[in-house]
Amino acid sequence: QVQLVESGGGWVQPGGSLRLTCAAEGTTSSNYYMAWSRQAPGKQRELVASITSGGITYYADFVRGRFTISTDNAKNTMYLQMNNLQPEDTADYYCHRQQPGSQSWGQGTQVTVSA
């Protein structure tokens, strides 16, 4: 089983930046799919970005050009660099990992964007 530990959330003013980190602990595979999703108050959870072990990335339209997803396989860690944050980016952000035989979710990290 893989446990995911997120960090990096916080408060930032509009136009600011944050970097979220998702560290995978346990028995990890070199074959994986990882993703960031978010859920704002009163809204459904939505996919933000994803990355495969082969390096294929996906971005939702509302973050493309502002957010960058990446991984450091040596550290079993995924990152989400978020630039030019806007109030509508305020949400709880969750990381997700799928690999052969298991899938895991992190506990979430809160991002608040306000003046």
PDB file of N, CA and C in Angstrom:
ATOM      1  N   GLN A   1       0.842  -1.190   0.000  1.00  0.00           N
ATOM      2  CA  GLN A   1       0.000   0.000   0.000  1.00  0.00           C
ATOM      3  C   GLN A   1       0.877   1.240   0.000  1.00  0.00           C
ATOM      4  N   VAL A   2       0.377   2.271  -0.664  1.00  0.00           N
ATOM      5  CA  VAL A   2       1.109   3.530  -0.764  1.00  0.00           C
ATOM      6  C   VAL A   2       0.346   4.608  -0.013  1.00  0.00           C
ATOM      7  N   GLN A   3       1.049   5.341   0.812  1.00  0.00           N
ATOM      8  CA  GLN A   3       0.448   6.491   1.488  1.00  0.00           C
ATOM      9  C   GLN A   3       0.962   7.759   0.815  1.00  0.00           C
ATOM     10  N   LEU A   4       0.076   8.730   0.688  1.00  0.00           N
ATOM     11  CA  LEU A   4       0.425   9.994   0.052  1.00  0.00           C
ATOM     12  C   LEU A   4       0.346  11.114   1.080  1.00  0.00           C
ATOM     13  N   VAL A   5       1.396  11.896   1.158  1.00  0.00           N
ATOM     14  CA  VAL A   5       1.456  13.003   2.104  1.00  0.00           C
ATOM     15  C   VAL A   5       1.633  14.301   1.328  1.00  0.00           C
ATOM     16  N   GLU A   6       0.641  15.181   1.449  1.00  0.00           N
ATOM     17  CA  GLU A   6       0.660  16.447   0.719  1.00  0.00           C
ATOM     18  C   GLU A   6       1.154  17.570   1.620  1.00  0.00           C
ATOM     19  N   SER A   7       1.736  18.567   1.007  1.00  0.00           N
ATOM     20  CA  SER A   7       2.146  19.768   1.715  1.00  0.00           C
ATOM     21  C   SER A   7       2.253  20.912   0.723  1.00  0.00           C
ATOM     22  N   GLY A   8       2.395  22.119   1.263  1.00  0.00           N
ATOM     23  CA  GLY A   8       2.633  23.270   0.412  1.00  0.00           C
ATOM     24  C   GLY A   8       1.470  24.218   0.243  1.00  0.00           C
ATOM     25  N   GLY A   9       0.310  23.849   0.758  1.00  0.00           N
ATOM     26  CA  GLY A   9      -0.824  24.750   0.649  1.00  0.00           C
ATOM     27  C   GLY A   9      -0.660  25.960   1.556  1.00  0.00           C
ATOM     28  N   GLY A  10      -1.584  26.902   1.416  1.00  0.00           N
ATOM     29  CA  GLY A  10      -1.532  28.098   2.243  1.00  0.00           C
ATOM     30  C   GLY A  10      -2.326  29.222   1.634  1.00  0.00           C
ATOM     31  N   TRP A  11      -2.063  30.414   2.122  1.00  0.00           N
ATOM     32  CA  TRP A  11      -2.727  31.619   1.623  1.00  0.00           C
ATOM     33  C   TRP A  11      -1.779  32.400   0.743  1.00  0.00           C
ATOM     34  N   VAL A  12      -2.319  32.933  -0.338  1.00  0.00           N
ATOM     35  CA  VAL A  12      -1.522  33.740  -1.237  1.00  0.00           C
ATOM     36  C   VAL A  12      -2.421  34.793  -1.867  1.00  0.00           C
ATOM     37  N   GLN A  13      -1.843  35.911  -2.195  1.00  0.00           N
ATOM     38  CA  GLN A  13      -2.595  36.967  -2.865  1.00  0.00           C
ATOM     39  C   GLN A  13      -2.759  36.640  -4.352  1.00  0.00           C
ATOM     40  N   PRO A  14      -3.786  37.195  -4.993  1.00  0.00           N
ATOM     41  CA  PRO A  14      -3.948  36.984  -6.437  1.00  0.00           C
ATOM     42  C   PRO A  14      -2.675  37.354  -7.196  1.00  0.00           C
ATOM     43  N   GLY A  15      -2.325  36.512  -8.135  1.00  0.00           N
ATOM     44  CA  GLY A  15      -1.092  36.702  -8.890  1.00  0.00           C
ATOM     45  C   GLY A  15       0.102  35.997  -8.282  1.00  0.00           C
ATOM     46  N   GLY A  16      -0.051  35.488  -7.076  1.00  0.00           N
ATOM     47  CA  GLY A  16       1.044  34.816  -6.398  1.00  0.00           C
ATOM     48  C   GLY A  16       1.230  33.373  -6.827  1.00  0.00           C
ATOM     49  N   SER A  17       2.198  32.709  -6.193  1.00  0.00           N
ATOM     50  CA  SER A  17       2.551  31.341  -6.547  1.00  0.00           C
ATOM     51  C   SER A  17       2.643  30.460  -5.305  1.00  0.00           C
ATOM     52  N   LEU A  18       2.374  29.196  -5.501  1.00  0.00           N
ATOM     53  CA  LEU A  18       2.581  28.174  -4.489  1.00  0.00           C
ATOM     54  C   LEU A  18       3.062  26.912  -5.189  1.00  0.00           C
ATOM     55  N   ARG A  19       3.779  26.081  -4.452  1.00  0.00           N
ATOM     56  CA  ARG A  19       4.150  24.765  -4.971  1.00  0.00           C
ATOM     57  C   ARG A  19       3.660  23.700  -4.013  1.00  0.00           C
ATOM     58  N   LEU A  20       2.809  22.819  -4.519  1.00  0.00           N
ATOM     59  CA  LEU A  20       2.307  21.702  -3.739  1.00  0.00           C
ATOM     60  C   LEU A  20       3.213  20.494  -3.945  1.00  0.00           C
ATOM     61  N   THR A  21       3.356  19.717  -2.884  1.00  0.00           N
ATOM     62  CA  THR A  21       4.178  18.511  -2.910  1.00  0.00           C
ATOM     63  C   THR A  21       3.352  17.317  -2.458  1.00  0.00           C
ATOM     64  N   CYS A  22       3.531  16.210  -3.128  1.00  0.00           N
ATOM     65  CA  CYS A  22       2.860  14.960  -2.758  1.00  0.00           C
ATOM     66  C   CYS A  22       3.927  13.871  -2.691  1.00  0.00           C
ATOM     67  N   ALA A  23       4.232  13.423  -1.491  1.00  0.00           N
ATOM     68  CA  ALA A  23       5.249  12.399  -1.294  1.00  0.00           C
ATOM     69  C   ALA A  23       4.595  11.033  -1.126  1.00  0.00           C
ATOM     70  N   ALA A  24       5.048  10.068  -1.896  1.00  0.00           N
ATOM     71  CA  ALA A  24       4.515   8.701  -1.818  1.00  0.00           C
ATOM     72  C   ALA A  24       5.411   7.877  -0.906  1.00  0.00           C
ATOM     73  N   GLU A  25       4.779   7.234   0.070  1.00  0.00           N
ATOM     74  CA  GLU A  25       5.511   6.401   1.015  1.00  0.00           C
ATOM     75  C   GLU A  25       4.975   4.978   0.946  1.00  0.00           C
ATOM     76  N   GLY A  26       5.859   4.021   1.031  1.00  0.00           N
ATOM     77  CA  GLY A  26       5.449   2.625   0.953  1.00  0.00           C
ATOM     78  C   GLY A  26       6.056   1.946  -0.258  1.00  0.00           C
ATOM     79  N   THR A  27       5.350   0.920  -0.728  1.00  0.00           N
ATOM     80  CA  THR A  27       5.855   0.135  -1.848  1.00  0.00           C
ATOM     81  C   THR A  27       5.378   0.766  -3.161  1.00  0.00           C
ATOM     82  N   THR A  28       6.266   1.492  -3.793  1.00  0.00           N
ATOM     83  CA  THR A  28       5.913   2.202  -5.017  1.00  0.00           C
ATOM     84  C   THR A  28       6.402   1.437  -6.241  1.00  0.00           C
ATOM     85  N   SER A  29       5.705   1.677  -7.333  1.00  0.00           N
ATOM     86  CA  SER A  29       6.045   1.060  -8.608  1.00  0.00           C
ATOM     87  C   SER A  29       6.567   2.125  -9.557  1.00  0.00           C
ATOM     88  N   SER A  30       7.433   1.714 -10.455  1.00  0.00           N
ATOM     89  CA  SER A  30       7.928   2.647 -11.475  1.00  0.00           C
ATOM     90  C   SER A  30       6.883   2.894 -12.556  1.00  0.00           C
ATOM     91  N   ASN A  31       5.799   2.141 -12.523  1.00  0.00           N
ATOM     92  CA  ASN A  31       4.696   2.297 -13.459  1.00  0.00           C
ATOM     93  C   ASN A  31       3.528   2.913 -12.694  1.00  0.00           C
ATOM     94  N   TYR A  32       3.215   4.169 -13.009  1.00  0.00           N
ATOM     95  CA  TYR A  32       2.181   4.841 -12.217  1.00  0.00           C
ATOM     96  C   TYR A  32       1.474   5.908 -13.026  1.00  0.00           C
ATOM     97  N   TYR A  33       0.367   6.310 -12.483  1.00  0.00           N
ATOM     98  CA  TYR A  33      -0.382   7.490 -12.924  1.00  0.00           C
ATOM     99  C   TYR A  33      -0.611   8.330 -11.671  1.00  0.00           C
ATOM    100  N   MET A  34      -0.275   9.617 -11.723  1.00  0.00           N
ATOM    101  CA  MET A  34      -0.507  10.495 -10.583  1.00  0.00           C
ATOM    102  C   MET A  34      -1.237  11.742 -11.041  1.00  0.00           C
ATOM    103  N   ALA A  35      -1.995  12.302 -10.133  1.00  0.00           N
ATOM    104  CA  ALA A  35      -2.817  13.450 -10.508  1.00  0.00           C
ATOM    105  C   ALA A  35      -3.067  14.350  -9.313  1.00  0.00           C
ATOM    106  N   TRP A  36      -3.388  15.580  -9.627  1.00  0.00           N
ATOM    107  CA  TRP A  36      -3.889  16.554  -8.654  1.00  0.00           C
ATOM    108  C   TRP A  36      -5.338  16.862  -9.026  1.00  0.00           C
ATOM    109  N   SER A  37      -6.200  16.860  -8.036  1.00  0.00           N
ATOM    110  CA  SER A  37      -7.554  17.321  -8.224  1.00  0.00           C
ATOM    111  C   SER A  37      -7.832  18.339  -7.134  1.00  0.00           C
ATOM    112  N   ARG A  38      -8.958  19.032  -7.271  1.00  0.00           N
ATOM    113  CA  ARG A  38      -9.302  20.029  -6.258  1.00  0.00           C
ATOM    114  C   ARG A  38     -10.804  20.066  -6.046  1.00  0.00           C
ATOM    115  N   GLN A  39     -11.171  20.532  -4.889  1.00  0.00           N
ATOM    116  CA  GLN A  39     -12.586  20.670  -4.561  1.00  0.00           C
ATOM    117  C   GLN A  39     -12.798  21.962  -3.804  1.00  0.00           C
ATOM    118  N   ALA A  40     -13.552  22.852  -4.414  1.00  0.00           N
ATOM    119  CA  ALA A  40     -13.894  24.115  -3.782  1.00  0.00           C
ATOM    120  C   ALA A  40     -15.162  23.919  -2.959  1.00  0.00           C
ATOM    121  N   PRO A  41     -15.384  24.778  -1.959  1.00  0.00           N
ATOM    122  CA  PRO A  41     -16.591  24.653  -1.133  1.00  0.00           C
ATOM    123  C   PRO A  41     -17.861  24.654  -1.982  1.00  0.00           C
ATOM    124  N   GLY A  42     -18.695  23.683  -1.781  1.00  0.00           N
ATOM    125  CA  GLY A  42     -19.959  23.610  -2.494  1.00  0.00           C
ATOM    126  C   GLY A  42     -19.871  23.125  -3.920  1.00  0.00           C
ATOM    127  N   LYS A  43     -18.680  22.717  -4.346  1.00  0.00           N
ATOM    128  CA  LYS A  43     -18.511  22.262  -5.724  1.00  0.00           C
ATOM    129  C   LYS A  43     -18.002  20.833  -5.758  1.00  0.00           C
ATOM    130  N   GLN A  44     -18.129  20.231  -6.929  1.00  0.00           N
ATOM    131  CA  GLN A  44     -17.620  18.878  -7.105  1.00  0.00           C
ATOM    132  C   GLN A  44     -16.102  18.897  -7.282  1.00  0.00           C
ATOM    133  N   ARG A  45     -15.488  17.782  -6.943  1.00  0.00           N
ATOM    134  CA  ARG A  45     -14.055  17.654  -7.155  1.00  0.00           C
ATOM    135  C   ARG A  45     -13.784  17.619  -8.658  1.00  0.00           C
ATOM    136  N   GLU A  46     -12.713  18.305  -9.069  1.00  0.00           N
ATOM    137  CA  GLU A  46     -12.365  18.353 -10.477  1.00  0.00           C
ATOM    138  C   GLU A  46     -10.884  18.058 -10.663  1.00  0.00           C
ATOM    139  N   LEU A  47     -10.577  17.422 -11.776  1.00  0.00           N
ATOM    140  CA  LEU A  47      -9.194  17.092 -12.101  1.00  0.00           C
ATOM    141  C   LEU A  47      -8.465  18.363 -12.534  1.00  0.00           C
ATOM    142  N   VAL A  48      -7.287  18.558 -11.977  1.00  0.00           N
ATOM    143  CA  VAL A  48      -6.482  19.731 -12.305  1.00  0.00           C
ATOM    144  C   VAL A  48      -5.392  19.376 -13.316  1.00  0.00           C
ATOM    145  N   ALA A  49      -4.626  18.331 -13.003  1.00  0.00           N
ATOM    146  CA  ALA A  49      -3.517  17.929 -13.865  1.00  0.00           C
ATOM    147  C   ALA A  49      -3.127  16.501 -13.520  1.00  0.00           C
ATOM    148  N   SER A  50      -2.501  15.843 -14.485  1.00  0.00           N
ATOM    149  CA  SER A  50      -2.048  14.474 -14.254  1.00  0.00           C
ATOM    150  C   SER A  50      -0.748  14.228 -14.989  1.00  0.00           C
ATOM    151  N   ILE A  51      -0.055  13.169 -14.559  1.00  0.00           N
ATOM    152  CA  ILE A  51       1.209  12.808 -15.187  1.00  0.00           C
ATOM    153  C   ILE A  51       1.380  11.304 -15.071  1.00  0.00           C
ATOM    154  N   THR A  52       1.918  10.699 -16.112  1.00  0.00           N
ATOM    155  CA  THR A  52       2.181   9.267 -16.090  1.00  0.00           C
ATOM    156  C   THR A  52       3.666   9.008 -15.892  1.00  0.00           C
ATOM    157  N   SER A  53       4.003   7.754 -15.591  1.00  0.00           N
ATOM    158  CA  SER A  53       5.409   7.401 -15.429  1.00  0.00           C
ATOM    159  C   SER A  53       6.174   7.566 -16.732  1.00  0.00           C
ATOM    160  N   GLY A  54       5.445   7.592 -17.848  1.00  0.00           N
ATOM    161  CA  GLY A  54       6.076   7.827 -19.138  1.00  0.00           C
ATOM    162  C   GLY A  54       6.258   9.288 -19.461  1.00  0.00           C
ATOM    163  N   GLY A  55       5.796  10.148 -18.550  1.00  0.00           N
ATOM    164  CA  GLY A  55       5.996  11.578 -18.738  1.00  0.00           C
ATOM    165  C   GLY A  55       4.888  12.303 -19.474  1.00  0.00           C
ATOM    166  N   ILE A  56       3.788  11.613 -19.733  1.00  0.00           N
ATOM    167  CA  ILE A  56       2.664  12.260 -20.416  1.00  0.00           C
ATOM    168  C   ILE A  56       1.879  13.078 -19.402  1.00  0.00           C
ATOM    169  N   THR A  57       1.652  14.338 -19.737  1.00  0.00           N
ATOM    170  CA  THR A  57       0.937  15.229 -18.829  1.00  0.00           C
ATOM    171  C   THR A  57      -0.395  15.663 -19.422  1.00  0.00           C
ATOM    172  N   TYR A  58      -1.276  16.033 -18.538  1.00  0.00           N
ATOM    173  CA  TYR A  58      -2.582  16.573 -18.912  1.00  0.00           C
ATOM    174  C   TYR A  58      -2.870  17.752 -17.985  1.00  0.00           C
ATOM    175  N   TYR A  59      -3.467  18.794 -18.552  1.00  0.00           N
ATOM    176  CA  TYR A  59      -3.882  19.950 -17.763  1.00  0.00           C
ATOM    177  C   TYR A  59      -5.319  20.301 -18.105  1.00  0.00           C
ATOM    178  N   ALA A  60      -6.086  20.619 -17.074  1.00  0.00           N
ATOM    179  CA  ALA A  60      -7.412  21.163 -17.317  1.00  0.00           C
ATOM    180  C   ALA A  60      -7.263  22.541 -17.956  1.00  0.00           C
ATOM    181  N   ASP A  61      -8.231  22.908 -18.746  1.00  0.00           N
ATOM    182  CA  ASP A  61      -8.165  24.187 -19.462  1.00  0.00           C
ATOM    183  C   ASP A  61      -7.987  25.362 -18.506  1.00  0.00           C
ATOM    184  N   PHE A  62      -8.596  25.264 -17.327  1.00  0.00           N
ATOM    185  CA  PHE A  62      -8.591  26.422 -16.429  1.00  0.00           C
ATOM    186  C   PHE A  62      -7.245  26.622 -15.729  1.00  0.00           C
ATOM    187  N   VAL A  63      -6.277  25.702 -15.895  1.00  0.00           N
ATOM    188  CA  VAL A  63      -4.954  25.887 -15.299  1.00  0.00           C
ATOM    189  C   VAL A  63      -3.836  25.843 -16.330  1.00  0.00           C
ATOM    190  N   ARG A  64      -4.163  25.468 -17.553  1.00  0.00           N
ATOM    191  CA  ARG A  64      -3.115  25.331 -18.565  1.00  0.00           C
ATOM    192  C   ARG A  64      -2.410  26.655 -18.769  1.00  0.00           C
ATOM    193  N   GLY A  65      -1.096  26.617 -18.734  1.00  0.00           N
ATOM    194  CA  GLY A  65      -0.299  27.824 -18.879  1.00  0.00           C
ATOM    195  C   GLY A  65       0.060  28.475 -17.556  1.00  0.00           C
ATOM    196  N   ARG A  66      -0.617  28.076 -16.480  1.00  0.00           N
ATOM    197  CA  ARG A  66      -0.326  28.643 -15.166  1.00  0.00           C
ATOM    198  C   ARG A  66       0.260  27.607 -14.194  1.00  0.00           C
ATOM    199  N   PHE A  67      -0.185  26.369 -14.311  1.00  0.00           N
ATOM    200  CA  PHE A  67       0.260  25.309 -13.407  1.00  0.00           C
ATOM    201  C   PHE A  67       1.171  24.342 -14.168  1.00  0.00           C
ATOM    202  N   THR A  68       2.127  23.769 -13.438  1.00  0.00           N
ATOM    203  CA  THR A  68       3.016  22.763 -14.012  1.00  0.00           C
ATOM    204  C   THR A  68       3.117  21.570 -13.070  1.00  0.00           C
ATOM    205  N   ILE A  69       2.836  20.392 -13.610  1.00  0.00           N
ATOM    206  CA  ILE A  69       2.940  19.161 -12.830  1.00  0.00           C
ATOM    207  C   ILE A  69       4.260  18.484 -13.171  1.00  0.00           C
ATOM    208  N   SER A  70       4.895  17.906 -12.157  1.00  0.00           N
ATOM    209  CA  SER A  70       6.160  17.219 -12.384  1.00  0.00           C
ATOM    210  C   SER A  70       6.364  16.165 -11.309  1.00  0.00           C
ATOM    211  N   THR A  71       7.311  15.281 -11.548  1.00  0.00           N
ATOM    212  CA  THR A  71       7.641  14.254 -10.569  1.00  0.00           C
ATOM    213  C   THR A  71       9.156  14.138 -10.431  1.00  0.00           C
ATOM    214  N   ASP A  72       9.568  13.681  -9.270  1.00  0.00           N
ATOM    215  CA  ASP A  72      10.955  13.315  -9.003  1.00  0.00           C
ATOM    216  C   ASP A  72      10.912  11.854  -8.585  1.00  0.00           C
ATOM    217  N   ASN A  73      11.191  10.969  -9.516  1.00  0.00           N
ATOM    218  CA  ASN A  73      11.047   9.544  -9.239  1.00  0.00           C
ATOM    219  C   ASN A  73      12.017   9.064  -8.156  1.00  0.00           C
ATOM    220  N   ALA A  74      13.161   9.676  -8.068  1.00  0.00           N
ATOM    221  CA  ALA A  74      14.133   9.285  -7.037  1.00  0.00           C
ATOM    222  C   ALA A  74      13.582   9.544  -5.642  1.00  0.00           C
ATOM    223  N   LYS A  75      12.719  10.546  -5.539  1.00  0.00           N
ATOM    224  CA  LYS A  75      12.143  10.911  -4.244  1.00  0.00           C
ATOM    225  C   LYS A  75      10.696  10.443  -4.105  1.00  0.00           C
ATOM    226  N   ASN A  76      10.166   9.763  -5.142  1.00  0.00           N
ATOM    227  CA  ASN A  76       8.757   9.340  -5.124  1.00  0.00           C
ATOM    228  C   ASN A  76       7.848  10.510  -4.791  1.00  0.00           C
ATOM    229  N   THR A  77       8.105  11.624  -5.430  1.00  0.00           N
ATOM    230  CA  THR A  77       7.385  12.843  -5.108  1.00  0.00           C
ATOM    231  C   THR A  77       6.832  13.486  -6.367  1.00  0.00           C
ATOM    232  N   MET A  78       5.632  14.029  -6.232  1.00  0.00           N
ATOM    233  CA  MET A  78       4.996  14.785  -7.311  1.00  0.00           C
ATOM    234  C   MET A  78       4.817  16.224  -6.853  1.00  0.00           C
ATOM    235  N   TYR A  79       4.928  17.128  -7.804  1.00  0.00           N
ATOM    236  CA  TYR A  79       4.798  18.541  -7.496  1.00  0.00           C
ATOM    237  C   TYR A  79       3.723  19.185  -8.373  1.00  0.00           C
ATOM    238  N   LEU A  80       3.176  20.267  -7.879  1.00  0.00           N
ATOM    239  CA  LEU A  80       2.305  21.114  -8.688  1.00  0.00           C
ATOM    240  C   LEU A  80       2.737  22.553  -8.448  1.00  0.00           C
ATOM    241  N   GLN A  81       3.427  23.108  -9.428  1.00  0.00           N
ATOM    242  CA  GLN A  81       3.815  24.518  -9.361  1.00  0.00           C
ATOM    243  C   GLN A  81       2.647  25.344  -9.868  1.00  0.00           C
ATOM    244  N   MET A  82       2.148  26.216  -9.031  1.00  0.00           N
ATOM    245  CA  MET A  82       0.979  27.024  -9.369  1.00  0.00           C
ATOM    246  C   MET A  82       1.382  28.489  -9.407  1.00  0.00           C
ATOM    247  N   ASN A  83       1.285  29.083 -10.586  1.00  0.00           N
ATOM    248  CA  ASN A  83       1.635  30.489 -10.776  1.00  0.00           C
ATOM    249  C   ASN A  83       0.385  31.286 -11.144  1.00  0.00           C
ATOM    250  N   ASN A  84       0.471  32.586 -10.952  1.00  0.00           N
ATOM    251  CA  ASN A  84      -0.639  33.481 -11.275  1.00  0.00           C
ATOM    252  C   ASN A  84      -1.954  32.962 -10.681  1.00  0.00           C
ATOM    253  N   LEU A  85      -1.912  32.646  -9.416  1.00  0.00           N
ATOM    254  CA  LEU A  85      -3.106  32.118  -8.753  1.00  0.00           C
ATOM    255  C   LEU A  85      -4.188  33.182  -8.678  1.00  0.00           C
ATOM    256  N   GLN A  86      -5.416  32.713  -8.806  1.00  0.00           N
ATOM    257  CA  GLN A  86      -6.579  33.588  -8.787  1.00  0.00           C
ATOM    258  C   GLN A  86      -7.557  33.115  -7.717  1.00  0.00           C
ATOM    259  N   PRO A  87      -8.442  33.992  -7.277  1.00  0.00           N
ATOM    260  CA  PRO A  87      -9.401  33.584  -6.224  1.00  0.00           C
ATOM    261  C   PRO A  87     -10.168  32.309  -6.571  1.00  0.00           C
ATOM    262  N   GLU A  88     -10.451  32.106  -7.846  1.00  0.00           N
ATOM    263  CA  GLU A  88     -11.199  30.905  -8.237  1.00  0.00           C
ATOM    264  C   GLU A  88     -10.389  29.620  -8.094  1.00  0.00           C
ATOM    265  N   ASP A  89      -9.086  29.757  -7.798  1.00  0.00           N
ATOM    266  CA  ASP A  89      -8.253  28.578  -7.547  1.00  0.00           C
ATOM    267  C   ASP A  89      -8.346  28.126  -6.093  1.00  0.00           C
ATOM    268  N   THR A  90      -9.041  28.891  -5.270  1.00  0.00           N
ATOM    269  CA  THR A  90      -9.214  28.524  -3.870  1.00  0.00           C
ATOM    270  C   THR A  90      -9.949  27.189  -3.761  1.00  0.00           C
ATOM    271  N   ALA A  91      -9.336  26.241  -3.075  1.00  0.00           N
ATOM    272  CA  ALA A  91      -9.907  24.895  -2.957  1.00  0.00           C
ATOM    273  C   ALA A  91      -9.006  24.038  -2.083  1.00  0.00           C
ATOM    274  N   ASP A  92      -9.515  22.867  -1.739  1.00  0.00           N
ATOM    275  CA  ASP A  92      -8.672  21.819  -1.171  1.00  0.00           C
ATOM    276  C   ASP A  92      -8.101  21.018  -2.340  1.00  0.00           C
ATOM    277  N   TYR A  93      -6.802  20.834  -2.333  1.00  0.00           N
ATOM    278  CA  TYR A  93      -6.116  20.123  -3.408  1.00  0.00           C
ATOM    279  C   TYR A  93      -5.698  18.731  -2.903  1.00  0.00           C
ATOM    280  N   TYR A  94      -5.986  17.729  -3.736  1.00  0.00           N
ATOM    281  CA  TYR A  94      -5.718  16.336  -3.377  1.00  0.00           C
ATOM    282  C   TYR A  94      -4.814  15.686  -4.420  1.00  0.00           C
ATOM    283  N   CYS A  95      -3.886  14.882  -3.951  1.00  0.00           N
ATOM    284  CA  CYS A  95      -3.100  14.105  -4.903  1.00  0.00           C
ATOM    285  C   CYS A  95      -3.617  12.675  -4.939  1.00  0.00           C
ATOM    286  N   HIS A  96      -3.358  12.025  -6.038  1.00  0.00           N
ATOM    287  CA  HIS A  96      -3.877  10.693  -6.299  1.00  0.00           C
ATOM    288  C   HIS A  96      -2.791   9.907  -7.040  1.00  0.00           C
ATOM    289  N   ARG A  97      -2.672   8.657  -6.677  1.00  0.00           N
ATOM    290  CA  ARG A  97      -1.697   7.790  -7.342  1.00  0.00           C
ATOM    291  C   ARG A  97      -2.328   6.445  -7.661  1.00  0.00           C
ATOM    292  N   GLN A  98      -2.148   6.003  -8.892  1.00  0.00           N
ATOM    293  CA  GLN A  98      -2.544   4.658  -9.304  1.00  0.00           C
ATOM    294  C   GLN A  98      -1.300   3.922  -9.784  1.00  0.00           C
ATOM    295  N   GLN A  99      -1.163   2.688  -9.361  1.00  0.00           N
ATOM    296  CA  GLN A  99      -0.086   1.826  -9.826  1.00  0.00           C
ATOM    297  C   GLN A  99      -0.609   0.411  -9.813  1.00  0.00           C
ATOM    298  N   PRO A 100       0.038  -0.522 -10.437  1.00  0.00           N
ATOM    299  CA  PRO A 100      -0.477  -1.886 -10.460  1.00  0.00           C
ATOM    300  C   PRO A 100      -0.794  -2.393  -9.055  1.00  0.00           C
ATOM    301  N   GLY A 101      -2.068  -2.731  -8.844  1.00  0.00           N
ATOM    302  CA  GLY A 101      -2.475  -3.317  -7.581  1.00  0.00           C
ATOM    303  C   GLY A 101      -2.948  -2.359  -6.523  1.00  0.00           C
ATOM    304  N   SER A 102      -2.852  -1.047  -6.753  1.00  0.00           N
ATOM    305  CA  SER A 102      -3.285  -0.133  -5.701  1.00  0.00           C
ATOM    306  C   SER A 102      -3.561   1.248  -6.244  1.00  0.00           C
ATOM    307  N   GLN A 103      -4.352   1.980  -5.496  1.00  0.00           N
ATOM    308  CA  GLN A 103      -4.543   3.394  -5.740  1.00  0.00           C
ATOM    309  C   GLN A 103      -4.720   4.077  -4.394  1.00  0.00           C
ATOM    310  N   SER A 104      -4.233   5.305  -4.320  1.00  0.00           N
ATOM    311  CA  SER A 104      -4.218   6.024  -3.059  1.00  0.00           C
ATOM    312  C   SER A 104      -4.586   7.483  -3.264  1.00  0.00           C
ATOM    313  N   TRP A 105      -5.137   8.073  -2.191  1.00  0.00           N
ATOM    314  CA  TRP A 105      -5.462   9.500  -2.170  1.00  0.00           C
ATOM    315  C   TRP A 105      -4.767  10.147  -0.976  1.00  0.00           C
ATOM    316  N   GLY A 106      -4.350  11.364  -1.155  1.00  0.00           N
ATOM    317  CA  GLY A 106      -3.809  12.127  -0.050  1.00  0.00           C
ATOM    318  C   GLY A 106      -4.921  12.740   0.779  1.00  0.00           C
ATOM    319  N   GLN A 107      -4.536  13.364   1.871  1.00  0.00           N
ATOM    320  CA  GLN A 107      -5.512  13.920   2.809  1.00  0.00           C
ATOM    321  C   GLN A 107      -5.988  15.302   2.404  1.00  0.00           C
ATOM    322  N   GLY A 108      -5.304  15.914   1.464  1.00  0.00           N
ATOM    323  CA  GLY A 108      -5.693  17.239   0.984  1.00  0.00           C
ATOM    324  C   GLY A 108      -4.889  18.344   1.633  1.00  0.00           C
ATOM    325  N   THR A 109      -4.682  19.392   0.880  1.00  0.00           N
ATOM    326  CA  THR A 109      -4.018  20.581   1.396  1.00  0.00           C
ATOM    327  C   THR A 109      -4.791  21.800   0.886  1.00  0.00           C
ATOM    328  N   GLN A 110      -5.012  22.742   1.762  1.00  0.00           N
ATOM    329  CA  GLN A 110      -5.883  23.877   1.445  1.00  0.00           C
ATOM    330  C   GLN A 110      -5.092  24.998   0.787  1.00  0.00           C
ATOM    331  N   VAL A 111      -5.653  25.539  -0.264  1.00  0.00           N
ATOM    332  CA  VAL A 111      -5.101  26.691  -0.962  1.00  0.00           C
ATOM    333  C   VAL A 111      -6.141  27.798  -0.934  1.00  0.00           C
ATOM    334  N   THR A 112      -5.750  28.959  -0.438  1.00  0.00           N
ATOM    335  CA  THR A 112      -6.645  30.109  -0.375  1.00  0.00           C
ATOM    336  C   THR A 112      -5.989  31.276  -1.094  1.00  0.00           C
ATOM    337  N   VAL A 113      -6.712  31.824  -2.065  1.00  0.00           N
ATOM    338  CA  VAL A 113      -6.213  32.954  -2.838  1.00  0.00           C
ATOM    339  C   VAL A 113      -7.151  34.132  -2.603  1.00  0.00           C
ATOM    340  N   SER A 114      -6.643  35.163  -1.945  1.00  0.00           N
ATOM    341  CA  SER A 114      -7.466  36.333  -1.675  1.00  0.00           C
ATOM    342  C   SER A 114      -6.573  37.534  -1.419  1.00  0.00           C
ATOM    343  N   ALA A 115      -7.162  38.716  -1.624  1.00  0.00           N
ATOM    344  CA  ALA A 115      -6.408  39.959  -1.423  1.00  0.00           C
ATOM    345  C   ALA A 115      -6.257  40.268   0.060  1.00  0.00           C
TER     346      ALA A 115
END
